[in-house]
Amino acid sequence: MKKKKEEKKQVKADDAKICSLCGELIVGDYDYVRTRRRTEMYFHKGMKCGKGK
């Protein structure tokens, strides 16, 4: 009897987070900042994307 492969979770458009520094899709952990103007910004956890640049 074959086991069914687990379906990978699809990222919904509402759940997708874009990094404010590099502009890439964030997969996994992220940091969240809300500014005084109520703007929401998301970054890779620990801002790892900005270290190489």
C-alpha atoms as a PDB file:
ATOM      1  CA  MET A   1       0.000   0.000   0.000  1.00  0.00           C
ATOM      2  CA  LYS A   2       1.486   3.344  -1.046  1.00  0.00           C
ATOM      3  CA  LYS A   3       1.547   6.228   1.364  1.00  0.00           C
ATOM      4  CA  LYS A   4       0.214   9.518   0.102  1.00  0.00           C
ATOM      5  CA  LYS A   5       2.703  12.323  -0.118  1.00  0.00           C
ATOM      6  CA  GLU A   6       1.990  15.132   2.270  1.00  0.00           C
ATOM      7  CA  GLU A   7       0.732  18.153   0.418  1.00  0.00           C
ATOM      8  CA  LYS A   8       2.886  21.209   0.873  1.00  0.00           C
ATOM      9  CA  LYS A   9       1.085  24.200   2.270  1.00  0.00           C
ATOM     10  CA  GLN A  10       0.453  26.800  -0.389  1.00  0.00           C
ATOM     11  CA  VAL A  11       1.153  30.384   0.616  1.00  0.00           C
ATOM     12  CA  LYS A  12      -1.986  32.445   0.245  1.00  0.00           C
ATOM     13  CA  ALA A  13      -1.807  35.973  -1.110  1.00  0.00           C
ATOM     14  CA  ASP A  14      -2.844  37.341   2.292  1.00  0.00           C
ATOM     15  CA  ASP A  15      -0.152  35.323   4.108  1.00  0.00           C
ATOM     16  CA  ALA A  16       2.700  36.208   1.736  1.00  0.00           C
ATOM     17  CA  LYS A  17       5.207  38.615   3.252  1.00  0.00           C
ATOM     18  CA  ILE A  18       7.678  40.629   1.179  1.00  0.00           C
ATOM     19  CA  CYS A  19      10.953  41.766   2.760  1.00  0.00           C
ATOM     20  CA  SER A  20      11.237  45.560   2.862  1.00  0.00           C
ATOM     21  CA  LEU A  21      15.045  45.455   2.436  1.00  0.00           C
ATOM     22  CA  CYS A  22      15.606  43.014  -0.415  1.00  0.00           C
ATOM     23  CA  GLY A  23      12.090  42.697  -1.896  1.00  0.00           C
ATOM     24  CA  GLU A  24      12.049  38.872  -1.812  1.00  0.00           C
ATOM     25  CA  LEU A  25       9.275  36.621  -0.548  1.00  0.00           C
ATOM     26  CA  ILE A  26       9.778  35.663   3.095  1.00  0.00           C
ATOM     27  CA  VAL A  27       9.554  31.949   3.795  1.00  0.00           C
ATOM     28  CA  GLY A  28       9.663  31.031   7.471  1.00  0.00           C
ATOM     29  CA  ASP A  29      10.330  33.396  10.354  1.00  0.00           C
ATOM     30  CA  TYR A  30      10.169  37.144   9.933  1.00  0.00           C
ATOM     31  CA  ASP A  31      10.412  40.351  11.945  1.00  0.00           C
ATOM     32  CA  TYR A  32       7.490  42.788  11.926  1.00  0.00           C
ATOM     33  CA  VAL A  33       7.558  46.551  12.478  1.00  0.00           C
ATOM     34  CA  ARG A  34       4.618  48.955  12.600  1.00  0.00           C
ATOM     35  CA  THR A  35       5.612  52.603  12.152  1.00  0.00           C
ATOM     36  CA  ARG A  36       4.002  55.689  13.632  1.00  0.00           C
ATOM     37  CA  ARG A  37       2.103  56.178  10.378  1.00  0.00           C
ATOM     38  CA  ARG A  38       0.676  52.644  10.743  1.00  0.00           C
ATOM     39  CA  THR A  39       2.806  51.312   7.883  1.00  0.00           C
ATOM     40  CA  GLU A  40       3.607  47.632   8.279  1.00  0.00           C
ATOM     41  CA  MET A  41       7.112  46.453   7.364  1.00  0.00           C
ATOM     42  CA  TYR A  42       8.408  42.885   7.271  1.00  0.00           C
ATOM     43  CA  PHE A  43      12.038  41.698   7.337  1.00  0.00           C
ATOM     44  CA  HIS A  44      13.791  38.338   7.225  1.00  0.00           C
ATOM     45  CA  LYS A  45      14.446  37.092  10.776  1.00  0.00           C
ATOM     46  CA  GLY A  46      17.599  38.797  12.041  1.00  0.00           C
ATOM     47  CA  MET A  47      17.774  40.826   8.798  1.00  0.00           C
ATOM     48  CA  LYS A  48      19.988  38.149   7.242  1.00  0.00           C
ATOM     49  CA  CYS A  49      19.263  39.362   3.704  1.00  0.00           C
ATOM     50  CA  GLY A  50      20.994  42.726   4.310  1.00  0.00           C
ATOM     51  CA  LYS A  51      24.289  41.294   5.598  1.00  0.00           C
ATOM     52  CA  GLY A  52      25.582  40.185   2.212  1.00  0.00           C
ATOM     53  CA  LYS A  53      25.001  43.533   0.536  1.00  0.00           C
END
